[in-house]
Amino acid sequence: MASVRHRIRTTAWRCAWLVGVGGWLWCQAPAVAEWYVAGQVGVNFADQLKNIQGTGVLQSLTAPDFDLKNALVYGGKVGVYPGNGAVGIELDAFHSSPHIKNLDDIPGIHLGITNVGLNILLRYPGQTFQPYAGIGGAALIANLGQSPTTNSDSDVAFGFNLIAGLRAFVTPYIAVFTEYKFTQSDLVFDQAFPTGGGFSGDYRAQHVVFGISYHF
């Protein structure tokens, strides 16, 4: 339990730090700035939950990696480039359901993950085409479904995002974009099993999304 409380405090501190730094940077945006809002949809090419380890009364146990299903991903974002420059900050939120696949005769488990990230972006500020890349932290809100072998459970974990994309303006205010995202985090479901205890695993996913943005 001590390790669980420590992890909760660490995750809360990281998320608070992320929100605080992002809010400070956001407030530094001068009056002359390029703001945008966007919608996005694509595919989560989920990898696996790796390094499965028991928690609580099961902390001494390990299990094979859990295969995850590819899933639809959708969400939105809002961002700003202060002074219409090359460096920007973006709040990016997206959801997908990379369900855990069957493991031999053990049925699969529903898994939903919402990623709320704050990213620093670097772009080439071209008039028509703008390649960009970014890095940031995120709060991953994960929900494990009820199944014949598990209880429903949830976790809020700190993760990291890497981003690369290309934006193309079709009018002075409207652009379309395609983007690659990589996410990594450690998920812990401490109350997952009816007999007590739960499991943790390393979550990694690659996303390819397409979207449209309005700039003002």
C-alpha atoms as a PDB file:
ATOM      1  CA  MET A   1       0.000   0.000   0.000  1.00  0.00           C
ATOM      2  CA  ALA A   2       2.884   2.352   0.717  1.00  0.00           C
ATOM      3  CA  SER A   3       4.169   1.923  -2.834  1.00  0.00           C
ATOM      4  CA  VAL A   4       0.679   2.598  -4.199  1.00  0.00           C
ATOM      5  CA  ARG A   5       0.344   5.797  -2.144  1.00  0.00           C
ATOM      6  CA  HIS A   6       3.808   6.883  -3.278  1.00  0.00           C
ATOM      7  CA  ARG A   7       2.879   6.317  -6.920  1.00  0.00           C
ATOM      8  CA  ILE A   8      -0.392   8.254  -6.526  1.00  0.00           C
ATOM      9  CA  ARG A   9       1.466  11.174  -4.945  1.00  0.00           C
ATOM     10  CA  THR A  10       4.149  11.060  -7.659  1.00  0.00           C
ATOM     11  CA  THR A  11       1.575  10.969 -10.453  1.00  0.00           C
ATOM     12  CA  ALA A  12      -0.398  13.820  -8.886  1.00  0.00           C
ATOM     13  CA  TRP A  13       2.770  15.908  -8.506  1.00  0.00           C
ATOM     14  CA  ARG A  14       3.809  15.287 -12.105  1.00  0.00           C
ATOM     15  CA  CYS A  15       0.373  16.192 -13.444  1.00  0.00           C
ATOM     16  CA  ALA A  16       0.237  19.325 -11.282  1.00  0.00           C
ATOM     17  CA  TRP A  17       3.708  20.319 -12.494  1.00  0.00           C
ATOM     18  CA  LEU A  18       2.657  19.732 -16.099  1.00  0.00           C
ATOM     19  CA  VAL A  19      -0.475  21.853 -15.699  1.00  0.00           C
ATOM     20  CA  GLY A  20       1.439  24.566 -13.859  1.00  0.00           C
ATOM     21  CA  VAL A  21       4.239  24.864 -16.411  1.00  0.00           C
ATOM     22  CA  GLY A  22       1.823  24.693 -19.309  1.00  0.00           C
ATOM     23  CA  GLY A  23      -0.422  27.328 -17.762  1.00  0.00           C
ATOM     24  CA  TRP A  24       2.529  29.640 -17.194  1.00  0.00           C
ATOM     25  CA  LEU A  25       3.710  29.235 -20.796  1.00  0.00           C
ATOM     26  CA  TRP A  26       0.159  29.752 -22.028  1.00  0.00           C
ATOM     27  CA  CYS A  27      -0.122  33.003 -20.115  1.00  0.00           C
ATOM     28  CA  GLN A  28       3.140  34.222 -21.642  1.00  0.00           C
ATOM     29  CA  ALA A  29       1.624  34.192 -25.126  1.00  0.00           C
ATOM     30  CA  PRO A  30       1.627  37.813 -26.327  1.00  0.00           C
ATOM     31  CA  ALA A  31      -1.380  39.543 -27.808  1.00  0.00           C
ATOM     32  CA  VAL A  32       0.088  38.888 -31.274  1.00  0.00           C
ATOM     33  CA  ALA A  33      -0.116  35.099 -31.517  1.00  0.00           C
ATOM     34  CA  GLU A  34      -1.470  32.376 -33.767  1.00  0.00           C
ATOM     35  CA  TRP A  35      -4.138  30.321 -31.986  1.00  0.00           C
ATOM     36  CA  TYR A  36      -5.865  27.249 -33.363  1.00  0.00           C
ATOM     37  CA  VAL A  37      -8.432  24.589 -32.536  1.00  0.00           C
ATOM     38  CA  ALA A  38      -8.565  21.203 -34.244  1.00  0.00           C
ATOM     39  CA  GLY A  39     -10.374  17.895 -34.450  1.00  0.00           C
ATOM     40  CA  GLN A  40      -8.645  14.596 -35.196  1.00  0.00           C
ATOM     41  CA  VAL A  41      -9.435  10.963 -35.939  1.00  0.00           C
ATOM     42  CA  GLY A  42      -7.245   7.977 -36.721  1.00  0.00           C
ATOM     43  CA  VAL A  43      -5.959   4.608 -35.541  1.00  0.00           C
ATOM     44  CA  ASN A  44      -4.220   3.489 -32.363  1.00  0.00           C
ATOM     45  CA  PHE A  45      -1.709   0.809 -33.369  1.00  0.00           C
ATOM     46  CA  ALA A  46      -1.382  -0.472 -29.823  1.00  0.00           C
ATOM     47  CA  ASP A  47       1.626  -2.632 -29.024  1.00  0.00           C
ATOM     48  CA  GLN A  48       1.353  -4.675 -25.815  1.00  0.00           C
ATOM     49  CA  LEU A  49       1.104  -4.271 -22.091  1.00  0.00           C
ATOM     50  CA  LYS A  50       4.630  -5.438 -21.313  1.00  0.00           C
ATOM     51  CA  ASN A  51       6.412  -6.469 -18.105  1.00  0.00           C
ATOM     52  CA  ILE A  52       3.200  -7.613 -16.423  1.00  0.00           C
ATOM     53  CA  GLN A  53       3.682  -7.693 -12.660  1.00  0.00           C
ATOM     54  CA  GLY A  54       1.228  -8.530  -9.890  1.00  0.00           C
ATOM     55  CA  THR A  55       0.372  -5.879  -7.314  1.00  0.00           C
ATOM     56  CA  GLY A  56      -0.921  -6.056  -3.760  1.00  0.00           C
ATOM     57  CA  VAL A  57      -1.239  -9.664  -2.594  1.00  0.00           C
ATOM     58  CA  LEU A  58      -0.049 -10.782  -6.051  1.00  0.00           C
ATOM     59  CA  GLN A  59       3.087  -8.634  -6.177  1.00  0.00           C
ATOM     60  CA  SER A  60       5.415 -11.644  -6.416  1.00  0.00           C
ATOM     61  CA  LEU A  61       3.719 -12.950  -9.579  1.00  0.00           C
ATOM     62  CA  THR A  62       4.437 -12.204 -13.254  1.00  0.00           C
ATOM     63  CA  ALA A  63       2.490 -12.974 -16.419  1.00  0.00           C
ATOM     64  CA  PRO A  64       3.056 -13.006 -20.201  1.00  0.00           C
ATOM     65  CA  ASP A  65       2.685  -9.711 -22.063  1.00  0.00           C
ATOM     66  CA  PHE A  66      -0.913  -8.779 -22.912  1.00  0.00           C
ATOM     67  CA  ASP A  67      -1.611  -8.244 -26.616  1.00  0.00           C
ATOM     68  CA  LEU A  68      -3.755  -5.182 -27.381  1.00  0.00           C
ATOM     69  CA  LYS A  69      -6.162  -4.604 -30.252  1.00  0.00           C
ATOM     70  CA  ASN A  70      -5.768  -1.790 -32.754  1.00  0.00           C
ATOM     71  CA  ALA A  71      -8.486   0.790 -32.173  1.00  0.00           C
ATOM     72  CA  LEU A  72     -10.134   3.949 -33.463  1.00  0.00           C
ATOM     73  CA  VAL A  73      -8.738   7.116 -31.879  1.00  0.00           C
ATOM     74  CA  TYR A  74     -10.510  10.489 -31.849  1.00  0.00           C
ATOM     75  CA  GLY A  75     -10.123  13.792 -30.056  1.00  0.00           C
ATOM     76  CA  GLY A  76      -9.340  17.481 -30.293  1.00  0.00           C
ATOM     77  CA  LYS A  77      -6.650  20.007 -29.556  1.00  0.00           C
ATOM     78  CA  VAL A  78      -6.077  23.698 -28.938  1.00  0.00           C
ATOM     79  CA  GLY A  79      -2.745  25.453 -29.304  1.00  0.00           C
ATOM     80  CA  VAL A  80      -0.874  28.713 -29.698  1.00  0.00           C
ATOM     81  CA  TYR A  81       2.283  29.931 -31.429  1.00  0.00           C
ATOM     82  CA  PRO A  82       3.343  33.131 -29.632  1.00  0.00           C
ATOM     83  CA  GLY A  83       4.337  35.865 -32.052  1.00  0.00           C
ATOM     84  CA  ASN A  84       3.409  33.565 -34.970  1.00  0.00           C
ATOM     85  CA  GLY A  85       6.817  31.995 -34.401  1.00  0.00           C
ATOM     86  CA  ALA A  86       8.293  28.519 -34.678  1.00  0.00           C
ATOM     87  CA  VAL A  87       7.735  27.371 -31.070  1.00  0.00           C
ATOM     88  CA  GLY A  88       4.262  26.645 -29.755  1.00  0.00           C
ATOM     89  CA  ILE A  89       2.371  24.927 -26.964  1.00  0.00           C
ATOM     90  CA  GLU A  90      -0.574  22.593 -27.449  1.00  0.00           C
ATOM     91  CA  LEU A  91      -3.206  20.908 -25.300  1.00  0.00           C
ATOM     92  CA  ASP A  92      -4.002  17.590 -26.999  1.00  0.00           C
ATOM     93  CA  ALA A  93      -6.744  15.200 -25.828  1.00  0.00           C
ATOM     94  CA  PHE A  94      -7.696  11.926 -27.524  1.00  0.00           C
ATOM     95  CA  HIS A  95      -9.418   8.647 -26.624  1.00  0.00           C
ATOM     96  CA  SER A  96      -9.148   5.057 -27.842  1.00  0.00           C
ATOM     97  CA  SER A  97     -10.118   1.571 -26.695  1.00  0.00           C
ATOM     98  CA  PRO A  98      -7.172  -0.826 -27.279  1.00  0.00           C
ATOM     99  CA  HIS A  99      -8.874  -3.816 -25.659  1.00  0.00           C
ATOM    100  CA  ILE A 100      -6.779  -6.635 -24.199  1.00  0.00           C
ATOM    101  CA  LYS A 101      -6.995  -9.710 -26.439  1.00  0.00           C
ATOM    102  CA  ASN A 102      -7.812 -13.241 -25.333  1.00  0.00           C
ATOM    103  CA  LEU A 103      -4.914 -15.085 -23.682  1.00  0.00           C
ATOM    104  CA  ASP A 104      -5.398 -18.745 -24.605  1.00  0.00           C
ATOM    105  CA  ASP A 105      -8.683 -19.677 -22.867  1.00  0.00           C
ATOM    106  CA  ILE A 106      -8.783 -16.479 -20.761  1.00  0.00           C
ATOM    107  CA  PRO A 107     -11.285 -14.009 -22.283  1.00  0.00           C
ATOM    108  CA  GLY A 108     -10.251 -10.536 -23.355  1.00  0.00           C
ATOM    109  CA  ILE A 109     -10.831  -7.413 -21.285  1.00  0.00           C
ATOM    110  CA  HIS A 110     -12.219  -4.046 -22.332  1.00  0.00           C
ATOM    111  CA  LEU A 111      -9.696  -1.219 -21.945  1.00  0.00           C
ATOM    112  CA  GLY A 112     -10.293   2.471 -22.581  1.00  0.00           C
ATOM    113  CA  ILE A 113      -7.571   5.133 -22.444  1.00  0.00           C
ATOM    114  CA  THR A 114      -7.946   8.911 -22.591  1.00  0.00           C
ATOM    115  CA  ASN A 115      -4.702  10.820 -23.127  1.00  0.00           C
ATOM    116  CA  VAL A 116      -4.639  14.492 -22.048  1.00  0.00           C
ATOM    117  CA  GLY A 117      -1.260  15.872 -23.055  1.00  0.00           C
ATOM    118  CA  LEU A 118       0.523  19.197 -22.960  1.00  0.00           C
ATOM    119  CA  ASN A 119       3.161  19.400 -25.679  1.00  0.00           C
ATOM    120  CA  ILE A 120       5.877  21.790 -26.795  1.00  0.00           C
ATOM    121  CA  LEU A 121       5.976  22.022 -30.604  1.00  0.00           C
ATOM    122  CA  LEU A 122       8.625  23.166 -33.062  1.00  0.00           C
ATOM    123  CA  ARG A 123       7.478  23.930 -36.614  1.00  0.00           C
ATOM    124  CA  TYR A 124       8.700  25.315 -39.889  1.00  0.00           C
ATOM    125  CA  PRO A 125       6.345  28.320 -40.221  1.00  0.00           C
ATOM    126  CA  GLY A 126       5.732  28.069 -43.965  1.00  0.00           C
ATOM    127  CA  GLN A 127       2.720  29.756 -45.541  1.00  0.00           C
ATOM    128  CA  THR A 128       1.312  26.546 -47.055  1.00  0.00           C
ATOM    129  CA  PHE A 129       3.167  23.533 -45.625  1.00  0.00           C
ATOM    130  CA  GLN A 130       4.298  23.302 -42.007  1.00  0.00           C
ATOM    131  CA  PRO A 131       6.181  20.188 -40.845  1.00  0.00           C
ATOM    132  CA  TYR A 132       6.385  20.027 -37.053  1.00  0.00           C
ATOM    133  CA  ALA A 133       7.538  17.874 -34.143  1.00  0.00           C
ATOM    134  CA  GLY A 134       6.891  17.927 -30.431  1.00  0.00           C
ATOM    135  CA  ILE A 135       7.357  16.357 -27.029  1.00  0.00           C
ATOM    136  CA  GLY A 136       5.284  16.544 -23.886  1.00  0.00           C
ATOM    137  CA  GLY A 137       3.816  14.959 -20.795  1.00  0.00           C
ATOM    138  CA  ALA A 138       0.334  13.554 -20.395  1.00  0.00           C
ATOM    139  CA  ALA A 139      -2.206  12.280 -17.921  1.00  0.00           C
ATOM    140  CA  LEU A 140      -3.490   8.888 -19.088  1.00  0.00           C
ATOM    141  CA  ILE A 141      -6.928   8.034 -17.706  1.00  0.00           C
ATOM    142  CA  ALA A 142      -7.294   4.268 -18.121  1.00  0.00           C
ATOM    143  CA  ASN A 143     -10.419   2.206 -17.442  1.00  0.00           C
ATOM    144  CA  LEU A 144     -10.441  -1.579 -17.227  1.00  0.00           C
ATOM    145  CA  GLY A 145     -13.785  -3.277 -17.896  1.00  0.00           C
ATOM    146  CA  GLN A 146     -15.608  -5.994 -15.962  1.00  0.00           C
ATOM    147  CA  SER A 147     -14.931  -9.497 -17.285  1.00  0.00           C
ATOM    148  CA  PRO A 148     -15.281 -13.110 -16.079  1.00  0.00           C
ATOM    149  CA  THR A 149     -11.765 -12.846 -14.590  1.00  0.00           C
ATOM    150  CA  THR A 150     -11.455  -9.158 -13.609  1.00  0.00           C
ATOM    151  CA  ASN A 151     -13.220  -6.389 -11.748  1.00  0.00           C
ATOM    152  CA  SER A 152     -13.684  -3.002 -13.363  1.00  0.00           C
ATOM    153  CA  ASP A 153     -10.841  -0.722 -12.270  1.00  0.00           C
ATOM    154  CA  SER A 154      -9.256   2.584 -13.254  1.00  0.00           C
ATOM    155  CA  ASP A 155      -5.920   4.364 -13.105  1.00  0.00           C
ATOM    156  CA  VAL A 156      -4.565   7.853 -13.768  1.00  0.00           C
ATOM    157  CA  ALA A 157      -0.939   7.585 -14.842  1.00  0.00           C
ATOM    158  CA  PHE A 158       1.724  10.004 -16.034  1.00  0.00           C
ATOM    159  CA  GLY A 159       2.998   9.386 -19.562  1.00  0.00           C
ATOM    160  CA  PHE A 160       5.109  10.875 -22.344  1.00  0.00           C
ATOM    161  CA  ASN A 161       4.124  11.852 -25.884  1.00  0.00           C
ATOM    162  CA  LEU A 162       6.292  12.229 -28.978  1.00  0.00           C
ATOM    163  CA  ILE A 163       4.726  13.881 -32.039  1.00  0.00           C
ATOM    164  CA  ALA A 164       5.619  14.456 -35.688  1.00  0.00           C
ATOM    165  CA  GLY A 165       3.294  15.830 -38.316  1.00  0.00           C
ATOM    166  CA  LEU A 166       2.640  17.877 -41.432  1.00  0.00           C
ATOM    167  CA  ARG A 167       0.079  20.670 -41.699  1.00  0.00           C
ATOM    168  CA  ALA A 168      -1.147  22.073 -45.034  1.00  0.00           C
ATOM    169  CA  PHE A 169      -3.206  25.274 -45.299  1.00  0.00           C
ATOM    170  CA  VAL A 170      -6.085  25.127 -47.777  1.00  0.00           C
ATOM    171  CA  THR A 171      -7.177  28.685 -46.907  1.00  0.00           C
ATOM    172  CA  PRO A 172      -5.433  31.367 -44.791  1.00  0.00           C
ATOM    173  CA  TYR A 173      -7.379  30.110 -41.740  1.00  0.00           C
ATOM    174  CA  ILE A 174      -8.111  26.419 -42.363  1.00  0.00           C
ATOM    175  CA  ALA A 175      -5.532  23.628 -42.529  1.00  0.00           C
ATOM    176  CA  VAL A 176      -5.549  19.847 -42.787  1.00  0.00           C
ATOM    177  CA  PHE A 177      -2.910  17.738 -41.077  1.00  0.00           C
ATOM    178  CA  THR A 178      -1.610  14.226 -40.598  1.00  0.00           C
ATOM    179  CA  GLU A 179       0.237  13.307 -37.430  1.00  0.00           C
ATOM    180  CA  TYR A 180       2.144  10.461 -35.790  1.00  0.00           C
ATOM    181  CA  LYS A 181       2.052  10.142 -32.003  1.00  0.00           C
ATOM    182  CA  PHE A 182       3.952   7.793 -29.702  1.00  0.00           C
ATOM    183  CA  THR A 183       2.779   7.339 -26.109  1.00  0.00           C
ATOM    184  CA  GLN A 184       4.440   5.508 -23.236  1.00  0.00           C
ATOM    185  CA  SER A 185       3.256   5.057 -19.659  1.00  0.00           C
ATOM    186  CA  ASP A 186       3.042   2.598 -16.773  1.00  0.00           C
ATOM    187  CA  LEU A 187      -0.529   1.509 -15.961  1.00  0.00           C
ATOM    188  CA  VAL A 188      -1.490   0.005 -12.610  1.00  0.00           C
ATOM    189  CA  PHE A 189      -4.839  -1.662 -11.836  1.00  0.00           C
ATOM    190  CA  ASP A 190      -4.571  -2.525  -8.138  1.00  0.00           C
ATOM    191  CA  GLN A 191      -8.138  -3.817  -7.693  1.00  0.00           C
ATOM    192  CA  ALA A 192      -8.417  -5.782 -10.937  1.00  0.00           C
ATOM    193  CA  PHE A 193      -8.886  -9.285  -9.535  1.00  0.00           C
ATOM    194  CA  PRO A 194     -11.847 -10.529  -7.460  1.00  0.00           C
ATOM    195  CA  THR A 195      -9.457 -12.521  -5.255  1.00  0.00           C
ATOM    196  CA  GLY A 196      -7.575  -9.348  -4.319  1.00  0.00           C
ATOM    197  CA  GLY A 197      -4.640  -7.555  -5.853  1.00  0.00           C
ATOM    198  CA  GLY A 198      -4.109  -6.501  -9.420  1.00  0.00           C
ATOM    199  CA  PHE A 199      -1.433  -5.974 -12.048  1.00  0.00           C
ATOM    200  CA  SER A 200       0.751  -3.353 -13.678  1.00  0.00           C
ATOM    201  CA  GLY A 201       2.192  -3.128 -17.185  1.00  0.00           C
ATOM    202  CA  ASP A 202       4.136  -0.861 -19.514  1.00  0.00           C
ATOM    203  CA  TYR A 203       1.804   0.691 -22.094  1.00  0.00           C
ATOM    204  CA  ARG A 204       3.147   1.767 -25.481  1.00  0.00           C
ATOM    205  CA  ALA A 205       1.065   2.848 -28.452  1.00  0.00           C
ATOM    206  CA  GLN A 206       1.587   4.413 -31.847  1.00  0.00           C
ATOM    207  CA  HIS A 207      -1.136   6.584 -33.341  1.00  0.00           C
ATOM    208  CA  VAL A 208      -1.665   7.903 -36.848  1.00  0.00           C
ATOM    209  CA  VAL A 209      -4.314  10.612 -37.049  1.00  0.00           C
ATOM    210  CA  PHE A 210      -5.780  12.991 -39.611  1.00  0.00           C
ATOM    211  CA  GLY A 211      -7.508  16.232 -38.802  1.00  0.00           C
ATOM    212  CA  ILE A 212      -8.585  19.731 -39.643  1.00  0.00           C
ATOM    213  CA  SER A 213      -7.681  22.902 -37.784  1.00  0.00           C
ATOM    214  CA  TYR A 214      -8.933  26.477 -37.703  1.00  0.00           C
ATOM    215  CA  HIS A 215      -6.311  29.193 -37.080  1.00  0.00           C
ATOM    216  CA  PHE A 216      -7.044  32.693 -35.795  1.00  0.00           C
END
